[in-house]
Amino acid sequence: MPETAIYTLVRGADWRDAERAGAYAGSADDARDGFLHFSTAAQVRESAAKHRRSEPDLWLIEADAARLGDALKWEPASGGKRPGLFPHLYGALPLSAVLSATRLTLRADGTHEFPDGVP
């Protein structure tokens, strides 16, 4: 069964824009792919290391999957190179579905420090 809490990694400027707009429309990568990329708690660290390494102003956005309705699809990663299904949101993320927004600390090695509770 899919998890209730899902995560996306958002650059600081994009998150500030989302807070003003009331929704997060996604990054340039999301626009290119046609959906917002999310991860489960078990996937998000690897996603951060692979796609957002060394980014200094990065936010971990936790969303309630149940509030996203049919716009949320569980699909394999493109190319099928990563195991498991990933949550993909076909539409903007309304702030009403956001459970928390946490700025991640960047370590000297380029990885991000995650809050307690995220494996």
PDB file of N, CA and C in Angstrom:
ATOM      1  N   MET A   1       0.845  -1.190   0.000  1.00  0.00           N
ATOM      2  CA  MET A   1       0.000   0.000   0.000  1.00  0.00           C
ATOM      3  C   MET A   1       0.888   1.251   0.000  1.00  0.00           C
ATOM      4  N   PRO A   2       0.586   2.234  -0.849  1.00  0.00           N
ATOM      5  CA  PRO A   2       1.395   3.453  -0.891  1.00  0.00           C
ATOM      6  C   PRO A   2       1.395   4.191   0.447  1.00  0.00           C
ATOM      7  N   GLU A   3       2.484   4.886   0.680  1.00  0.00           N
ATOM      8  CA  GLU A   3       2.643   5.619   1.932  1.00  0.00           C
ATOM      9  C   GLU A   3       1.789   6.888   1.939  1.00  0.00           C
ATOM     10  N   THR A   4       1.450   7.344   3.133  1.00  0.00           N
ATOM     11  CA  THR A   4       0.668   8.574   3.249  1.00  0.00           C
ATOM     12  C   THR A   4       1.544   9.798   3.066  1.00  0.00           C
ATOM     13  N   ALA A   5       2.714   9.842   3.698  1.00  0.00           N
ATOM     14  CA  ALA A   5       3.615  10.987   3.564  1.00  0.00           C
ATOM     15  C   ALA A   5       4.578  10.744   2.411  1.00  0.00           C
ATOM     16  N   ILE A   6       4.655  11.721   1.507  1.00  0.00           N
ATOM     17  CA  ILE A   6       5.599  11.670   0.403  1.00  0.00           C
ATOM     18  C   ILE A   6       6.411  12.972   0.423  1.00  0.00           C
ATOM     19  N   TYR A   7       7.544  12.971  -0.265  1.00  0.00           N
ATOM     20  CA  TYR A   7       8.495  14.069  -0.154  1.00  0.00           C
ATOM     21  C   TYR A   7       8.943  14.557  -1.525  1.00  0.00           C
ATOM     22  N   THR A   8       9.181  15.862  -1.592  1.00  0.00           N
ATOM     23  CA  THR A   8       9.809  16.442  -2.764  1.00  0.00           C
ATOM     24  C   THR A   8      10.887  17.412  -2.291  1.00  0.00           C
ATOM     25  N   LEU A   9      11.887  17.607  -3.120  1.00  0.00           N
ATOM     26  CA  LEU A   9      13.013  18.492  -2.811  1.00  0.00           C
ATOM     27  C   LEU A   9      12.864  19.746  -3.657  1.00  0.00           C
ATOM     28  N   VAL A  10      12.815  20.895  -2.997  1.00  0.00           N
ATOM     29  CA  VAL A  10      12.511  22.147  -3.691  1.00  0.00           C
ATOM     30  C   VAL A  10      13.603  23.174  -3.401  1.00  0.00           C
ATOM     31  N   ARG A  11      14.061  23.827  -4.429  1.00  0.00           N
ATOM     32  CA  ARG A  11      15.037  24.910  -4.267  1.00  0.00           C
ATOM     33  C   ARG A  11      14.367  26.077  -3.540  1.00  0.00           C
ATOM     34  N   GLY A  12      15.147  26.777  -2.726  1.00  0.00           N
ATOM     35  CA  GLY A  12      14.616  27.824  -1.868  1.00  0.00           C
ATOM     36  C   GLY A  12      13.808  28.890  -2.593  1.00  0.00           C
ATOM     37  N   ALA A  13      14.318  29.409  -3.709  1.00  0.00           N
ATOM     38  CA  ALA A  13      13.601  30.454  -4.444  1.00  0.00           C
ATOM     39  C   ALA A  13      12.259  29.931  -4.948  1.00  0.00           C
ATOM     40  N   ASP A  14      12.242  28.680  -5.401  1.00  0.00           N
ATOM     41  CA  ASP A  14      10.993  28.086  -5.884  1.00  0.00           C
ATOM     42  C   ASP A  14       9.994  27.908  -4.746  1.00  0.00           C
ATOM     43  N   TRP A  15      10.497  27.547  -3.550  1.00  0.00           N
ATOM     44  CA  TRP A  15       9.590  27.360  -2.422  1.00  0.00           C
ATOM     45  C   TRP A  15       9.003  28.698  -1.966  1.00  0.00           C
ATOM     46  N   ARG A  16       9.814  29.729  -1.966  1.00  0.00           N
ATOM     47  CA  ARG A  16       9.302  31.060  -1.595  1.00  0.00           C
ATOM     48  C   ARG A  16       8.229  31.515  -2.590  1.00  0.00           C
ATOM     49  N   ASP A  17       8.428  31.239  -3.881  1.00  0.00           N
ATOM     50  CA  ASP A  17       7.406  31.546  -4.893  1.00  0.00           C
ATOM     51  C   ASP A  17       6.126  30.762  -4.622  1.00  0.00           C
ATOM     52  N   ALA A  18       6.264  29.497  -4.258  1.00  0.00           N
ATOM     53  CA  ALA A  18       5.098  28.647  -3.969  1.00  0.00           C
ATOM     54  C   ALA A  18       4.320  29.179  -2.772  1.00  0.00           C
ATOM     55  N   GLU A  19       5.025  29.623  -1.750  1.00  0.00           N
ATOM     56  CA  GLU A  19       4.352  30.167  -0.566  1.00  0.00           C
ATOM     57  C   GLU A  19       3.528  31.403  -0.924  1.00  0.00           C
ATOM     58  N   ARG A  20       4.050  32.231  -1.818  1.00  0.00           N
ATOM     59  CA  ARG A  20       3.300  33.422  -2.251  1.00  0.00           C
ATOM     60  C   ARG A  20       2.103  33.029  -3.122  1.00  0.00           C
ATOM     61  N   ALA A  21       2.279  32.020  -3.960  1.00  0.00           N
ATOM     62  CA  ALA A  21       1.240  31.623  -4.911  1.00  0.00           C
ATOM     63  C   ALA A  21       0.182  30.695  -4.308  1.00  0.00           C
ATOM     64  N   GLY A  22       0.527  30.018  -3.212  1.00  0.00           N
ATOM     65  CA  GLY A  22      -0.400  29.065  -2.611  1.00  0.00           C
ATOM     66  C   GLY A  22      -0.297  27.662  -3.175  1.00  0.00           C
ATOM     67  N   ALA A  23       0.664  27.455  -4.089  1.00  0.00           N
ATOM     68  CA  ALA A  23       0.873  26.127  -4.682  1.00  0.00           C
ATOM     69  C   ALA A  23       2.279  26.083  -5.274  1.00  0.00           C
ATOM     70  N   TYR A  24       2.835  24.867  -5.327  1.00  0.00           N
ATOM     71  CA  TYR A  24       4.137  24.661  -5.951  1.00  0.00           C
ATOM     72  C   TYR A  24       3.909  24.048  -7.325  1.00  0.00           C
ATOM     73  N   ALA A  25       4.343  24.769  -8.361  1.00  0.00           N
ATOM     74  CA  ALA A  25       4.123  24.327  -9.731  1.00  0.00           C
ATOM     75  C   ALA A  25       5.219  23.410 -10.252  1.00  0.00           C
ATOM     76  N   GLY A  26       6.339  23.309  -9.533  1.00  0.00           N
ATOM     77  CA  GLY A  26       7.403  22.405  -9.932  1.00  0.00           C
ATOM     78  C   GLY A  26       8.625  23.115 -10.474  1.00  0.00           C
ATOM     79  N   SER A  27       9.681  22.327 -10.643  1.00  0.00           N
ATOM     80  CA  SER A  27      10.963  22.811 -11.159  1.00  0.00           C
ATOM     81  C   SER A  27      10.986  22.688 -12.683  1.00  0.00           C
ATOM     82  N   ALA A  28      12.074  23.137 -13.282  1.00  0.00           N
ATOM     83  CA  ALA A  28      12.248  22.967 -14.725  1.00  0.00           C
ATOM     84  C   ALA A  28      12.275  21.480 -15.091  1.00  0.00           C
ATOM     85  N   ASP A  29      12.859  20.650 -14.220  1.00  0.00           N
ATOM     86  CA  ASP A  29      12.867  19.200 -14.461  1.00  0.00           C
ATOM     87  C   ASP A  29      11.451  18.639 -14.443  1.00  0.00           C
ATOM     88  N   ASP A  30      10.646  19.116 -13.492  1.00  0.00           N
ATOM     89  CA  ASP A  30       9.256  18.666 -13.416  1.00  0.00           C
ATOM     90  C   ASP A  30       8.501  19.058 -14.687  1.00  0.00           C
ATOM     91  N   ALA A  31       8.685  20.301 -15.129  1.00  0.00           N
ATOM     92  CA  ALA A  31       8.007  20.776 -16.345  1.00  0.00           C
ATOM     93  C   ALA A  31       8.410  19.936 -17.556  1.00  0.00           C
ATOM     94  N   ARG A  32       9.700  19.616 -17.647  1.00  0.00           N
ATOM     95  CA  ARG A  32      10.197  18.792 -18.761  1.00  0.00           C
ATOM     96  C   ARG A  32       9.537  17.407 -18.767  1.00  0.00           C
ATOM     97  N   ASP A  33       9.391  16.824 -17.559  1.00  0.00           N
ATOM     98  CA  ASP A  33       8.856  15.464 -17.458  1.00  0.00           C
ATOM     99  C   ASP A  33       7.337  15.399 -17.414  1.00  0.00           C
ATOM    100  N   GLY A  34       6.680  16.535 -17.154  1.00  0.00           N
ATOM    101  CA  GLY A  34       5.223  16.569 -17.163  1.00  0.00           C
ATOM    102  C   GLY A  34       4.561  16.225 -15.838  1.00  0.00           C
ATOM    103  N   PHE A  35       5.355  16.134 -14.776  1.00  0.00           N
ATOM    104  CA  PHE A  35       4.817  15.834 -13.445  1.00  0.00           C
ATOM    105  C   PHE A  35       5.813  16.286 -12.392  1.00  0.00           C
ATOM    106  N   LEU A  36       5.329  16.453 -11.152  1.00  0.00           N
ATOM    107  CA  LEU A  36       6.197  16.784 -10.024  1.00  0.00           C
ATOM    108  C   LEU A  36       6.767  15.492  -9.467  1.00  0.00           C
ATOM    109  N   HIS A  37       8.081  15.461  -9.285  1.00  0.00           N
ATOM    110  CA  HIS A  37       8.772  14.289  -8.756  1.00  0.00           C
ATOM    111  C   HIS A  37       8.668  14.258  -7.234  1.00  0.00           C
ATOM    112  N   PHE A  38       8.207  13.151  -6.702  1.00  0.00           N
ATOM    113  CA  PHE A  38       8.168  12.920  -5.259  1.00  0.00           C
ATOM    114  C   PHE A  38       8.909  11.618  -4.973  1.00  0.00           C
ATOM    115  N   SER A  39       9.201  11.413  -3.696  1.00  0.00           N
ATOM    116  CA  SER A  39       9.836  10.189  -3.215  1.00  0.00           C
ATOM    117  C   SER A  39       9.143   9.756  -1.937  1.00  0.00           C
ATOM    118  N   THR A  40       9.298   8.492  -1.610  1.00  0.00           N
ATOM    119  CA  THR A  40       8.871   8.008  -0.303  1.00  0.00           C
ATOM    120  C   THR A  40       9.976   8.338   0.696  1.00  0.00           C
ATOM    121  N   ALA A  41       9.705   8.116   1.969  1.00  0.00           N
ATOM    122  CA  ALA A  41      10.730   8.337   2.998  1.00  0.00           C
ATOM    123  C   ALA A  41      11.963   7.481   2.719  1.00  0.00           C
ATOM    124  N   ALA A  42      11.759   6.280   2.222  1.00  0.00           N
ATOM    125  CA  ALA A  42      12.878   5.378   1.947  1.00  0.00           C
ATOM    126  C   ALA A  42      13.667   5.781   0.700  1.00  0.00           C
ATOM    127  N   GLN A  43      13.085   6.596  -0.168  1.00  0.00           N
ATOM    128  CA  GLN A  43      13.733   6.972  -1.425  1.00  0.00           C
ATOM    129  C   GLN A  43      14.362   8.364  -1.411  1.00  0.00           C
ATOM    130  N   VAL A  44      13.925   9.232  -0.508  1.00  0.00           N
ATOM    131  CA  VAL A  44      14.248  10.657  -0.630  1.00  0.00           C
ATOM    132  C   VAL A  44      15.732  10.973  -0.436  1.00  0.00           C
ATOM    133  N   ARG A  45      16.423  10.271   0.435  1.00  0.00           N
ATOM    134  CA  ARG A  45      17.856  10.545   0.615  1.00  0.00           C
ATOM    135  C   ARG A  45      18.643  10.249  -0.657  1.00  0.00           C
ATOM    136  N   GLU A  46      18.338   9.132  -1.280  1.00  0.00           N
ATOM    137  CA  GLU A  46      19.025   8.783  -2.528  1.00  0.00           C
ATOM    138  C   GLU A  46      18.697   9.800  -3.618  1.00  0.00           C
ATOM    139  N   SER A  47      17.459  10.249  -3.666  1.00  0.00           N
ATOM    140  CA  SER A  47      17.073  11.267  -4.648  1.00  0.00           C
ATOM    141  C   SER A  47      17.849  12.562  -4.420  1.00  0.00           C
ATOM    142  N   ALA A  48      17.994  12.963  -3.167  1.00  0.00           N
ATOM    143  CA  ALA A  48      18.738  14.180  -2.846  1.00  0.00           C
ATOM    144  C   ALA A  48      20.199  14.037  -3.271  1.00  0.00           C
ATOM    145  N   ALA A  49      20.799  12.899  -2.968  1.00  0.00           N
ATOM    146  CA  ALA A  49      22.209  12.678  -3.313  1.00  0.00           C
ATOM    147  C   ALA A  49      22.415  12.645  -4.830  1.00  0.00           C
ATOM    148  N   LYS A  50      21.456  12.070  -5.543  1.00  0.00           N
ATOM    149  CA  LYS A  50      21.590  11.921  -6.991  1.00  0.00           C
ATOM    150  C   LYS A  50      21.259  13.206  -7.754  1.00  0.00           C
ATOM    151  N   HIS A  51      20.200  13.903  -7.325  1.00  0.00           N
ATOM    152  CA  HIS A  51      19.696  15.022  -8.121  1.00  0.00           C
ATOM    153  C   HIS A  51      19.941  16.411  -7.534  1.00  0.00           C
ATOM    154  N   ARG A  52      20.218  16.508  -6.238  1.00  0.00           N
ATOM    155  CA  ARG A  52      20.342  17.825  -5.602  1.00  0.00           C
ATOM    156  C   ARG A  52      21.612  17.976  -4.762  1.00  0.00           C
ATOM    157  N   ARG A  53      22.577  17.128  -4.971  1.00  0.00           N
ATOM    158  CA  ARG A  53      23.841  17.185  -4.221  1.00  0.00           C
ATOM    159  C   ARG A  53      24.459  18.576  -4.318  1.00  0.00           C
ATOM    160  N   SER A  54      24.958  19.064  -3.214  1.00  0.00           N
ATOM    161  CA  SER A  54      25.679  20.338  -3.104  1.00  0.00           C
ATOM    162  C   SER A  54      24.813  21.582  -3.304  1.00  0.00           C
ATOM    163  N   GLU A  55      23.497  21.448  -3.355  1.00  0.00           N
ATOM    164  CA  GLU A  55      22.630  22.625  -3.463  1.00  0.00           C
ATOM    165  C   GLU A  55      22.426  23.212  -2.074  1.00  0.00           C
ATOM    166  N   PRO A  56      22.826  24.470  -1.875  1.00  0.00           N
ATOM    167  CA  PRO A  56      22.834  25.050  -0.529  1.00  0.00           C
ATOM    168  C   PRO A  56      21.474  25.441   0.032  1.00  0.00           C
ATOM    169  N   ASP A  57      20.525  25.811  -0.778  1.00  0.00           N
ATOM    170  CA  ASP A  57      19.220  26.279  -0.287  1.00  0.00           C
ATOM    171  C   ASP A  57      18.151  25.306  -0.752  1.00  0.00           C
ATOM    172  N   LEU A  58      18.103  24.156  -0.090  1.00  0.00           N
ATOM    173  CA  LEU A  58      17.202  23.086  -0.488  1.00  0.00           C
ATOM    174  C   LEU A  58      16.208  22.806   0.632  1.00  0.00           C
ATOM    175  N   TRP A  59      14.961  22.637   0.250  1.00  0.00           N
ATOM    176  CA  TRP A  59      13.879  22.385   1.207  1.00  0.00           C
ATOM    177  C   TRP A  59      13.290  21.004   0.990  1.00  0.00           C
ATOM    178  N   LEU A  60      13.044  20.327   2.088  1.00  0.00           N
ATOM    179  CA  LEU A  60      12.354  19.038   2.082  1.00  0.00           C
ATOM    180  C   LEU A  60      10.886  19.325   2.357  1.00  0.00           C
ATOM    181  N   ILE A  61      10.046  19.029   1.380  1.00  0.00           N
ATOM    182  CA  ILE A  61       8.615  19.275   1.506  1.00  0.00           C
ATOM    183  C   ILE A  61       7.931  17.925   1.699  1.00  0.00           C
ATOM    184  N   GLU A  62       7.216  17.820   2.809  1.00  0.00           N
ATOM    185  CA  GLU A  62       6.456  16.606   3.122  1.00  0.00           C
ATOM    186  C   GLU A  62       4.992  16.883   2.805  1.00  0.00           C
ATOM    187  N   ALA A  63       4.400  16.024   1.995  1.00  0.00           N
ATOM    188  CA  ALA A  63       3.012  16.205   1.585  1.00  0.00           C
ATOM    189  C   ALA A  63       2.186  14.982   1.962  1.00  0.00           C
ATOM    190  N   ASP A  64       0.909  15.209   2.171  1.00  0.00           N
ATOM    191  CA  ASP A  64      -0.040  14.143   2.475  1.00  0.00           C
ATOM    192  C   ASP A  64      -0.582  13.599   1.158  1.00  0.00           C
ATOM    193  N   ALA A  65      -0.168  12.402   0.805  1.00  0.00           N
ATOM    194  CA  ALA A  65      -0.564  11.803  -0.471  1.00  0.00           C
ATOM    195  C   ALA A  65      -2.083  11.688  -0.604  1.00  0.00           C
ATOM    196  N   ALA A  66      -2.776  11.438   0.491  1.00  0.00           N
ATOM    197  CA  ALA A  66      -4.226  11.266   0.444  1.00  0.00           C
ATOM    198  C   ALA A  66      -4.938  12.541  -0.004  1.00  0.00           C
ATOM    199  N   ARG A  67      -4.328  13.689   0.226  1.00  0.00           N
ATOM    200  CA  ARG A  67      -4.954  14.967  -0.157  1.00  0.00           C
ATOM    201  C   ARG A  67      -4.749  15.317  -1.628  1.00  0.00           C
ATOM    202  N   LEU A  68      -3.996  14.494  -2.350  1.00  0.00           N
ATOM    203  CA  LEU A  68      -3.663  14.822  -3.734  1.00  0.00           C
ATOM    204  C   LEU A  68      -4.572  14.154  -4.750  1.00  0.00           C
ATOM    205  N   GLY A  69      -5.387  13.224  -4.299  1.00  0.00           N
ATOM    206  CA  GLY A  69      -6.394  12.612  -5.169  1.00  0.00           C
ATOM    207  C   GLY A  69      -5.812  11.864  -6.353  1.00  0.00           C
ATOM    208  N   ASP A  70      -6.585  11.876  -7.436  1.00  0.00           N
ATOM    209  CA  ASP A  70      -6.233  11.109  -8.629  1.00  0.00           C
ATOM    210  C   ASP A  70      -5.062  11.701  -9.414  1.00  0.00           C
ATOM    211  N   ALA A  71      -4.648  12.916  -9.065  1.00  0.00           N
ATOM    212  CA  ALA A  71      -3.498  13.525  -9.754  1.00  0.00           C
ATOM    213  C   ALA A  71      -2.186  12.848  -9.367  1.00  0.00           C
ATOM    214  N   LEU A  72      -2.198  12.078  -8.268  1.00  0.00           N
ATOM    215  CA  LEU A  72      -1.004  11.373  -7.811  1.00  0.00           C
ATOM    216  C   LEU A  72      -0.997   9.962  -8.377  1.00  0.00           C
ATOM    217  N   LYS A  73       0.082   9.632  -9.066  1.00  0.00           N
ATOM    218  CA  LYS A  73       0.257   8.297  -9.664  1.00  0.00           C
ATOM    219  C   LYS A  73       1.533   7.674  -9.110  1.00  0.00           C
ATOM    220  N   TRP A  74       1.504   6.362  -8.876  1.00  0.00           N
ATOM    221  CA  TRP A  74       2.683   5.614  -8.425  1.00  0.00           C
ATOM    222  C   TRP A  74       3.239   4.885  -9.638  1.00  0.00           C
ATOM    223  N   GLU A  75       4.460   5.296 -10.060  1.00  0.00           N
ATOM    224  CA  GLU A  75       5.022   4.800 -11.307  1.00  0.00           C
ATOM    225  C   GLU A  75       6.507   4.464 -11.144  1.00  0.00           C
ATOM    226  N   PRO A  76       7.021   3.612 -12.035  1.00  0.00           N
ATOM    227  CA  PRO A  76       8.465   3.342 -12.008  1.00  0.00           C
ATOM    228  C   PRO A  76       9.250   4.589 -12.400  1.00  0.00           C
ATOM    229  N   ALA A  77      10.492   4.665 -11.958  1.00  0.00           N
ATOM    230  CA  ALA A  77      11.375   5.768 -12.361  1.00  0.00           C
ATOM    231  C   ALA A  77      11.610   5.688 -13.863  1.00  0.00           C
ATOM    232  N   SER A  78      11.857   6.849 -14.491  1.00  0.00           N
ATOM    233  CA  SER A  78      12.104   6.805 -15.925  1.00  0.00           C
ATOM    234  C   SER A  78      13.323   5.952 -16.213  1.00  0.00           C
ATOM    235  N   GLY A  79      13.205   5.175 -17.218  1.00  0.00           N
ATOM    236  CA  GLY A  79      14.273   4.266 -17.581  1.00  0.00           C
ATOM    237  C   GLY A  79      14.259   2.980 -16.773  1.00  0.00           C
ATOM    238  N   GLY A  80      13.441   2.933 -15.715  1.00  0.00           N
ATOM    239  CA  GLY A  80      13.322   1.739 -14.894  1.00  0.00           C
ATOM    240  C   GLY A  80      14.590   1.349 -14.172  1.00  0.00           C
ATOM    241  N   LYS A  81      15.533   2.287 -13.988  1.00  0.00           N
ATOM    242  CA  LYS A  81      16.826   1.956 -13.385  1.00  0.00           C
ATOM    243  C   LYS A  81      16.783   1.921 -11.868  1.00  0.00           C
ATOM    244  N   ARG A  82      15.780   2.529 -11.247  1.00  0.00           N
ATOM    245  CA  ARG A  82      15.679   2.529  -9.782  1.00  0.00           C
ATOM    246  C   ARG A  82      14.505   1.651  -9.388  1.00  0.00           C
ATOM    247  N   PRO A  83      14.714   0.780  -8.412  1.00  0.00           N
ATOM    248  CA  PRO A  83      13.645  -0.141  -8.024  1.00  0.00           C
ATOM    249  C   PRO A  83      12.501   0.568  -7.316  1.00  0.00           C
ATOM    250  N   GLY A  84      11.339  -0.047  -7.376  1.00  0.00           N
ATOM    251  CA  GLY A  84      10.172   0.463  -6.672  1.00  0.00           C
ATOM    252  C   GLY A  84       9.409   1.494  -7.480  1.00  0.00           C
ATOM    253  N   LEU A  85       8.272   1.883  -6.940  1.00  0.00           N
ATOM    254  CA  LEU A  85       7.436   2.891  -7.566  1.00  0.00           C
ATOM    255  C   LEU A  85       7.654   4.234  -6.889  1.00  0.00           C
ATOM    256  N   PHE A  86       7.589   5.286  -7.686  1.00  0.00           N
ATOM    257  CA  PHE A  86       7.767   6.648  -7.187  1.00  0.00           C
ATOM    258  C   PHE A  86       6.455   7.403  -7.331  1.00  0.00           C
ATOM    259  N   PRO A  87       6.150   8.269  -6.366  1.00  0.00           N
ATOM    260  CA  PRO A  87       4.950   9.088  -6.494  1.00  0.00           C
ATOM    261  C   PRO A  87       5.202  10.265  -7.436  1.00  0.00           C
ATOM    262  N   HIS A  88       4.340  10.398  -8.433  1.00  0.00           N
ATOM    263  CA  HIS A  88       4.427  11.488  -9.402  1.00  0.00           C
ATOM    264  C   HIS A  88       3.109  12.249  -9.362  1.00  0.00           C
ATOM    265  N   LEU A  89       3.190  13.566  -9.227  1.00  0.00           N
ATOM    266  CA  LEU A  89       1.989  14.397  -9.150  1.00  0.00           C
ATOM    267  C   LEU A  89       1.788  15.118 -10.474  1.00  0.00           C
ATOM    268  N   TYR A  90       0.666  14.840 -11.116  1.00  0.00           N
ATOM    269  CA  TYR A  90       0.323  15.459 -12.393  1.00  0.00           C
ATOM    270  C   TYR A  90      -0.537  16.693 -12.126  1.00  0.00           C
ATOM    271  N   GLY A  91       0.144  17.749 -11.728  1.00  0.00           N
ATOM    272  CA  GLY A  91      -0.506  19.009 -11.394  1.00  0.00           C
ATOM    273  C   GLY A  91       0.305  19.697 -10.314  1.00  0.00           C
ATOM    274  N   ALA A  92      -0.124  20.883  -9.940  1.00  0.00           N
ATOM    275  CA  ALA A  92       0.580  21.646  -8.904  1.00  0.00           C
ATOM    276  C   ALA A  92       0.301  21.051  -7.523  1.00  0.00           C
ATOM    277  N   LEU A  93       1.238  21.259  -6.619  1.00  0.00           N
ATOM    278  CA  LEU A  93       1.090  20.828  -5.231  1.00  0.00           C
ATOM    279  C   LEU A  93       0.434  21.967  -4.443  1.00  0.00           C
ATOM    280  N   PRO A  94      -0.811  21.793  -4.010  1.00  0.00           N
ATOM    281  CA  PRO A  94      -1.440  22.846  -3.203  1.00  0.00           C
ATOM    282  C   PRO A  94      -0.820  22.876  -1.807  1.00  0.00           C
ATOM    283  N   LEU A  95      -0.611  24.064  -1.269  1.00  0.00           N
ATOM    284  CA  LEU A  95      -0.017  24.162   0.063  1.00  0.00           C
ATOM    285  C   LEU A  95      -0.900  23.518   1.123  1.00  0.00           C
ATOM    286  N   SER A  96      -2.179  23.361   0.840  1.00  0.00           N
ATOM    287  CA  SER A  96      -3.076  22.696   1.788  1.00  0.00           C
ATOM    288  C   SER A  96      -2.731  21.219   1.983  1.00  0.00           C
ATOM    289  N   ALA A  97      -1.962  20.643   1.072  1.00  0.00           N
ATOM    290  CA  ALA A  97      -1.546  19.236   1.187  1.00  0.00           C
ATOM    291  C   ALA A  97      -0.170  19.093   1.836  1.00  0.00           C
ATOM    292  N   VAL A  98       0.497  20.209   2.112  1.00  0.00           N
ATOM    293  CA  VAL A  98       1.846  20.178   2.686  1.00  0.00           C
ATOM    294  C   VAL A  98       1.761  19.979   4.195  1.00  0.00           C
ATOM    295  N   LEU A  99       2.466  18.962   4.684  1.00  0.00           N
ATOM    296  CA  LEU A  99       2.511  18.662   6.112  1.00  0.00           C
ATOM    297  C   LEU A  99       3.645  19.405   6.808  1.00  0.00           C
ATOM    298  N   SER A 100       4.775  19.572   6.112  1.00  0.00           N
ATOM    299  CA  SER A 100       5.905  20.300   6.678  1.00  0.00           C
ATOM    300  C   SER A 100       6.841  20.742   5.560  1.00  0.00           C
ATOM    301  N   ALA A 101       7.597  21.790   5.870  1.00  0.00           N
ATOM    302  CA  ALA A 101       8.629  22.292   4.970  1.00  0.00           C
ATOM    303  C   ALA A 101       9.858  22.566   5.830  1.00  0.00           C
ATOM    304  N   THR A 102      10.957  21.855   5.537  1.00  0.00           N
ATOM    305  CA  THR A 102      12.159  21.935   6.348  1.00  0.00           C
ATOM    306  C   THR A 102      13.354  22.260   5.468  1.00  0.00           C
ATOM    307  N   ARG A 103      14.063  23.327   5.831  1.00  0.00           N
ATOM    308  CA  ARG A 103      15.288  23.647   5.086  1.00  0.00           C
ATOM    309  C   ARG A 103      16.360  22.653   5.507  1.00  0.00           C
ATOM    310  N   LEU A 104      16.992  22.034   4.525  1.00  0.00           N
ATOM    311  CA  LEU A 104      18.021  21.033   4.796  1.00  0.00           C
ATOM    312  C   LEU A 104      19.389  21.701   4.935  1.00  0.00           C
ATOM    313  N   THR A 105      20.145  21.241   5.892  1.00  0.00           N
ATOM    314  CA  THR A 105      21.511  21.708   6.098  1.00  0.00           C
ATOM    315  C   THR A 105      22.422  20.977   5.126  1.00  0.00           C
ATOM    316  N   LEU A 106      23.309  21.727   4.484  1.00  0.00           N
ATOM    317  CA  LEU A 106      24.266  21.151   3.553  1.00  0.00           C
ATOM    318  C   LEU A 106      25.554  20.834   4.299  1.00  0.00           C
ATOM    319  N   ARG A 107      25.977  19.573   4.235  1.00  0.00           N
ATOM    320  CA  ARG A 107      27.231  19.159   4.860  1.00  0.00           C
ATOM    321  C   ARG A 107      28.412  19.503   3.953  1.00  0.00           C
ATOM    322  N   ALA A 108      29.607  19.474   4.518  1.00  0.00           N
ATOM    323  CA  ALA A 108      30.828  19.788   3.769  1.00  0.00           C
ATOM    324  C   ALA A 108      31.038  18.842   2.584  1.00  0.00           C
ATOM    325  N   ASP A 109      30.548  17.609   2.688  1.00  0.00           N
ATOM    326  CA  ASP A 109      30.737  16.638   1.598  1.00  0.00           C
ATOM    327  C   ASP A 109      29.688  16.765   0.492  1.00  0.00           C
ATOM    328  N   GLY A 110      28.785  17.749   0.593  1.00  0.00           N
ATOM    329  CA  GLY A 110      27.783  17.975  -0.442  1.00  0.00           C
ATOM    330  C   GLY A 110      26.469  17.242  -0.212  1.00  0.00           C
ATOM    331  N   THR A 111      26.402  16.398   0.815  1.00  0.00           N
ATOM    332  CA  THR A 111      25.145  15.717   1.114  1.00  0.00           C
ATOM    333  C   THR A 111      24.328  16.596   2.063  1.00  0.00           C
ATOM    334  N   HIS A 112      23.063  16.263   2.195  1.00  0.00           N
ATOM    335  CA  HIS A 112      22.163  17.044   3.041  1.00  0.00           C
ATOM    336  C   HIS A 112      21.831  16.290   4.318  1.00  0.00           C
ATOM    337  N   GLU A 113      21.693  17.034   5.382  1.00  0.00           N
ATOM    338  CA  GLU A 113      21.299  16.454   6.667  1.00  0.00           C
ATOM    339  C   GLU A 113      19.771  16.485   6.751  1.00  0.00           C
ATOM    340  N   PHE A 114      19.183  15.328   6.978  1.00  0.00           N
ATOM    341  CA  PHE A 114      17.728  15.195   7.032  1.00  0.00           C
ATOM    342  C   PHE A 114      17.238  15.210   8.480  1.00  0.00           C
ATOM    343  N   PRO A 115      16.003  15.667   8.673  1.00  0.00           N
ATOM    344  CA  PRO A 115      15.448  15.689  10.036  1.00  0.00           C
ATOM    345  C   PRO A 115      15.171  14.285  10.562  1.00  0.00           C
ATOM    346  N   ASP A 116      15.056  14.159  11.867  1.00  0.00           N
ATOM    347  CA  ASP A 116      14.680  12.880  12.471  1.00  0.00           C
ATOM    348  C   ASP A 116      13.360  12.419  11.886  1.00  0.00           C
ATOM    349  N   GLY A 117      13.209  11.126  11.743  1.00  0.00           N
ATOM    350  CA  GLY A 117      11.969  10.562  11.230  1.00  0.00           C
ATOM    351  C   GLY A 117      12.003  10.271   9.740  1.00  0.00           C
ATOM    352  N   VAL A 118      12.991  10.815   9.040  1.00  0.00           N
ATOM    353  CA  VAL A 118      13.151  10.505   7.622  1.00  0.00           C
ATOM    354  C   VAL A 118      14.344   9.549   7.541  1.00  0.00           C
ATOM    355  N   PRO A 119      14.073   8.294   7.157  1.00  0.00           N
ATOM    356  CA  PRO A 119      15.164   7.289   7.171  1.00  0.00           C
ATOM    357  C   PRO A 119      16.361   7.649   6.316  1.00  0.00           C
TER     358      PRO A 119
END
